Amino acid sequence: MEFRPARCPNCSGSLQLPETVQRVKCLYCGQDIVVRDAIKLAAPIVNTGNLLELAKNAISASNFIEANQYYNL
């Protein structure tokens, strides 16, 4: 069973949760949380402005596959 970093949507507690479970109780506040949502909250924040700039630069260089990858992140 693989555990993923997660964050409680109620108390922002840092958790490690298995992807194979749908709901768990937070170890810190006791709230029921949806595992999928908690894992999404722990995902790193992406700077969309930088991604758009990288995509535009890739298009300028005629690297359309790379540009498409940046647009889809």
N, C-alpha and C. Protein backbone atom coordinates (compact mmCIF):
# COMPACT_ATOMS: atom_id res chain seq x y z
N MET A 1 0.85 -1.17 0.00
CA MET A 1 0.00 0.00 0.00
C MET A 1 0.90 1.24 0.00
N GLU A 2 0.67 2.09 -0.98
CA GLU A 2 1.48 3.31 -1.10
C GLU A 2 0.76 4.49 -0.45
N PHE A 3 1.49 5.28 0.32
CA PHE A 3 0.94 6.45 0.98
C PHE A 3 1.36 7.71 0.23
N ARG A 4 0.46 8.68 0.17
CA ARG A 4 0.71 9.95 -0.52
C ARG A 4 0.61 11.10 0.47
N PRO A 5 1.37 12.17 0.26
CA PRO A 5 1.21 13.35 1.12
C PRO A 5 -0.17 13.95 0.92
N ALA A 6 -0.76 14.43 2.00
CA ALA A 6 -2.10 15.01 1.96
C ALA A 6 -2.20 16.10 3.01
N ARG A 7 -3.26 16.91 2.90
CA ARG A 7 -3.50 17.99 3.86
C ARG A 7 -4.98 17.99 4.22
N CYS A 8 -5.27 18.05 5.51
CA CYS A 8 -6.65 18.07 5.98
C CYS A 8 -7.32 19.38 5.55
N PRO A 9 -8.47 19.32 4.88
CA PRO A 9 -9.15 20.53 4.45
C PRO A 9 -9.73 21.33 5.62
N ASN A 10 -9.87 20.71 6.78
CA ASN A 10 -10.44 21.39 7.94
C ASN A 10 -9.38 22.11 8.77
N CYS A 11 -8.31 21.40 9.14
CA CYS A 11 -7.31 21.98 10.05
C CYS A 11 -5.95 22.20 9.38
N SER A 12 -5.80 21.81 8.12
CA SER A 12 -4.54 21.91 7.37
C SER A 12 -3.44 21.03 7.92
N GLY A 13 -3.81 20.01 8.68
CA GLY A 13 -2.83 19.08 9.21
C GLY A 13 -2.16 18.30 8.09
N SER A 14 -0.86 18.07 8.23
CA SER A 14 -0.09 17.33 7.24
C SER A 14 -0.27 15.84 7.47
N LEU A 15 -0.70 15.12 6.44
CA LEU A 15 -1.03 13.71 6.56
C LEU A 15 -0.32 12.88 5.49
N GLN A 16 -0.26 11.59 5.71
CA GLN A 16 0.18 10.60 4.72
C GLN A 16 -0.97 9.61 4.61
N LEU A 17 -1.61 9.56 3.43
CA LEU A 17 -2.82 8.75 3.28
C LEU A 17 -2.68 7.74 2.14
N PRO A 18 -3.29 6.56 2.30
CA PRO A 18 -3.29 5.58 1.22
C PRO A 18 -4.31 5.97 0.15
N GLU A 19 -3.94 5.81 -1.10
CA GLU A 19 -4.84 6.15 -2.21
C GLU A 19 -5.99 5.15 -2.34
N THR A 20 -5.85 3.99 -1.75
CA THR A 20 -6.84 2.92 -1.92
C THR A 20 -8.06 3.08 -1.02
N VAL A 21 -8.06 4.08 -0.14
CA VAL A 21 -9.15 4.32 0.79
C VAL A 21 -9.90 5.58 0.34
N GLN A 22 -11.22 5.60 0.51
CA GLN A 22 -12.00 6.76 0.09
C GLN A 22 -12.09 7.84 1.17
N ARG A 23 -12.31 7.44 2.41
CA ARG A 23 -12.47 8.40 3.52
C ARG A 23 -11.65 7.94 4.72
N VAL A 24 -11.14 8.93 5.46
CA VAL A 24 -10.42 8.68 6.71
C VAL A 24 -10.78 9.77 7.71
N LYS A 25 -10.40 9.57 8.96
CA LYS A 25 -10.52 10.61 9.97
C LYS A 25 -9.16 11.28 10.12
N CYS A 26 -9.18 12.60 10.19
CA CYS A 26 -7.94 13.35 10.38
C CYS A 26 -7.36 13.00 11.75
N LEU A 27 -6.05 12.78 11.80
CA LEU A 27 -5.39 12.45 13.06
C LEU A 27 -5.34 13.63 14.01
N TYR A 28 -5.47 14.84 13.49
CA TYR A 28 -5.33 16.04 14.30
C TYR A 28 -6.67 16.58 14.81
N CYS A 29 -7.67 16.68 13.93
CA CYS A 29 -8.94 17.29 14.33
C CYS A 29 -10.10 16.31 14.39
N GLY A 30 -9.92 15.09 13.89
CA GLY A 30 -10.96 14.07 13.97
C GLY A 30 -12.05 14.17 12.91
N GLN A 31 -11.96 15.13 11.99
CA GLN A 31 -12.96 15.28 10.93
C GLN A 31 -12.83 14.17 9.90
N ASP A 32 -13.97 13.73 9.36
CA ASP A 32 -13.95 12.82 8.22
C ASP A 32 -13.50 13.61 7.00
N ILE A 33 -12.55 13.06 6.26
CA ILE A 33 -12.08 13.75 5.06
C ILE A 33 -12.06 12.77 3.88
N VAL A 34 -12.25 13.31 2.69
CA VAL A 34 -12.17 12.53 1.46
C VAL A 34 -10.71 12.49 1.05
N VAL A 35 -10.16 11.29 0.92
CA VAL A 35 -8.73 11.11 0.66
C VAL A 35 -8.31 11.83 -0.62
N ARG A 36 -9.08 11.66 -1.69
CA ARG A 36 -8.72 12.28 -2.98
C ARG A 36 -8.59 13.80 -2.85
N ASP A 37 -9.52 14.43 -2.13
CA ASP A 37 -9.49 15.88 -1.94
C ASP A 37 -8.29 16.31 -1.10
N ALA A 38 -7.99 15.54 -0.06
CA ALA A 38 -6.87 15.86 0.81
C ALA A 38 -5.54 15.74 0.07
N ILE A 39 -5.42 14.77 -0.82
CA ILE A 39 -4.20 14.61 -1.61
C ILE A 39 -4.03 15.79 -2.56
N LYS A 40 -5.13 16.24 -3.17
CA LYS A 40 -5.07 17.40 -4.07
C LYS A 40 -4.62 18.65 -3.33
N LEU A 41 -5.04 18.81 -2.08
CA LEU A 41 -4.65 19.99 -1.30
C LEU A 41 -3.15 20.02 -1.02
N ALA A 42 -2.52 18.86 -0.97
CA ALA A 42 -1.09 18.79 -0.68
C ALA A 42 -0.23 18.97 -1.92
N ALA A 43 -0.85 19.01 -3.09
CA ALA A 43 -0.09 19.16 -4.34
C ALA A 43 0.59 20.53 -4.36
N PRO A 44 1.78 20.59 -4.92
CA PRO A 44 2.47 21.88 -4.98
C PRO A 44 1.70 22.89 -5.82
N ILE A 45 1.81 24.14 -5.45
CA ILE A 45 1.15 25.21 -6.17
C ILE A 45 1.98 25.54 -7.42
N VAL A 46 1.30 25.61 -8.55
CA VAL A 46 1.98 25.85 -9.82
C VAL A 46 1.78 27.31 -10.21
N ASN A 47 2.86 27.95 -10.65
CA ASN A 47 2.78 29.32 -11.13
C ASN A 47 2.35 29.28 -12.59
N THR A 48 1.08 29.54 -12.85
CA THR A 48 0.54 29.44 -14.21
C THR A 48 1.14 30.48 -15.14
N GLY A 49 1.52 31.62 -14.61
CA GLY A 49 2.16 32.64 -15.45
C GLY A 49 3.46 32.13 -16.05
N ASN A 50 4.25 31.43 -15.25
CA ASN A 50 5.50 30.85 -15.76
C ASN A 50 5.23 29.78 -16.81
N LEU A 51 4.22 28.95 -16.57
CA LEU A 51 3.89 27.90 -17.54
C LEU A 51 3.47 28.49 -18.88
N LEU A 52 2.67 29.55 -18.83
CA LEU A 52 2.23 30.19 -20.07
C LEU A 52 3.41 30.81 -20.82
N GLU A 53 4.32 31.40 -20.08
CA GLU A 53 5.51 31.99 -20.71
C GLU A 53 6.38 30.91 -21.35
N LEU A 54 6.55 29.79 -20.67
CA LEU A 54 7.31 28.68 -21.23
C LEU A 54 6.63 28.13 -22.49
N ALA A 55 5.31 28.04 -22.46
CA ALA A 55 4.57 27.55 -23.63
C ALA A 55 4.73 28.50 -24.81
N LYS A 56 4.64 29.80 -24.56
CA LYS A 56 4.81 30.79 -25.63
C LYS A 56 6.21 30.72 -26.22
N ASN A 57 7.21 30.55 -25.37
CA ASN A 57 8.60 30.42 -25.85
C ASN A 57 8.77 29.17 -26.70
N ALA A 58 8.13 28.08 -26.29
CA ALA A 58 8.22 26.84 -27.05
C ALA A 58 7.56 27.00 -28.42
N ILE A 59 6.44 27.71 -28.47
CA ILE A 59 5.78 27.96 -29.76
C ILE A 59 6.68 28.81 -30.65
N SER A 60 7.31 29.83 -30.09
CA SER A 60 8.22 30.68 -30.86
C SER A 60 9.37 29.88 -31.47
N ALA A 61 9.76 28.82 -30.76
CA ALA A 61 10.84 27.96 -31.24
C ALA A 61 10.31 26.81 -32.09
N SER A 62 9.04 26.86 -32.46
CA SER A 62 8.36 25.81 -33.24
C SER A 62 8.42 24.44 -32.58
N ASN A 63 8.45 24.43 -31.25
CA ASN A 63 8.44 23.18 -30.50
C ASN A 63 7.03 22.98 -29.95
N PHE A 64 6.15 22.54 -30.83
CA PHE A 64 4.72 22.48 -30.52
C PHE A 64 4.37 21.39 -29.51
N ILE A 65 5.10 20.31 -29.51
CA ILE A 65 4.84 19.23 -28.55
C ILE A 65 5.14 19.72 -27.13
N GLU A 66 6.27 20.39 -26.96
CA GLU A 66 6.62 20.93 -25.65
C GLU A 66 5.61 22.00 -25.22
N ALA A 67 5.21 22.87 -26.13
CA ALA A 67 4.22 23.90 -25.81
C ALA A 67 2.92 23.26 -25.35
N ASN A 68 2.49 22.23 -26.03
CA ASN A 68 1.27 21.53 -25.65
C ASN A 68 1.38 20.95 -24.25
N GLN A 69 2.54 20.44 -23.91
CA GLN A 69 2.74 19.89 -22.56
C GLN A 69 2.62 20.98 -21.51
N TYR A 70 3.19 22.15 -21.76
CA TYR A 70 3.07 23.26 -20.81
C TYR A 70 1.63 23.74 -20.68
N TYR A 71 0.93 23.81 -21.78
CA TYR A 71 -0.47 24.25 -21.75
C TYR A 71 -1.36 23.27 -20.99
N ASN A 72 -0.98 22.00 -20.96
CA ASN A 72 -1.81 20.99 -20.32
C ASN A 72 -1.43 20.68 -18.88
N LEU A 73 -0.44 21.36 -18.33
CA LEU A 73 -0.06 21.12 -16.91
C LEU A 73 -1.05 21.78 -15.99
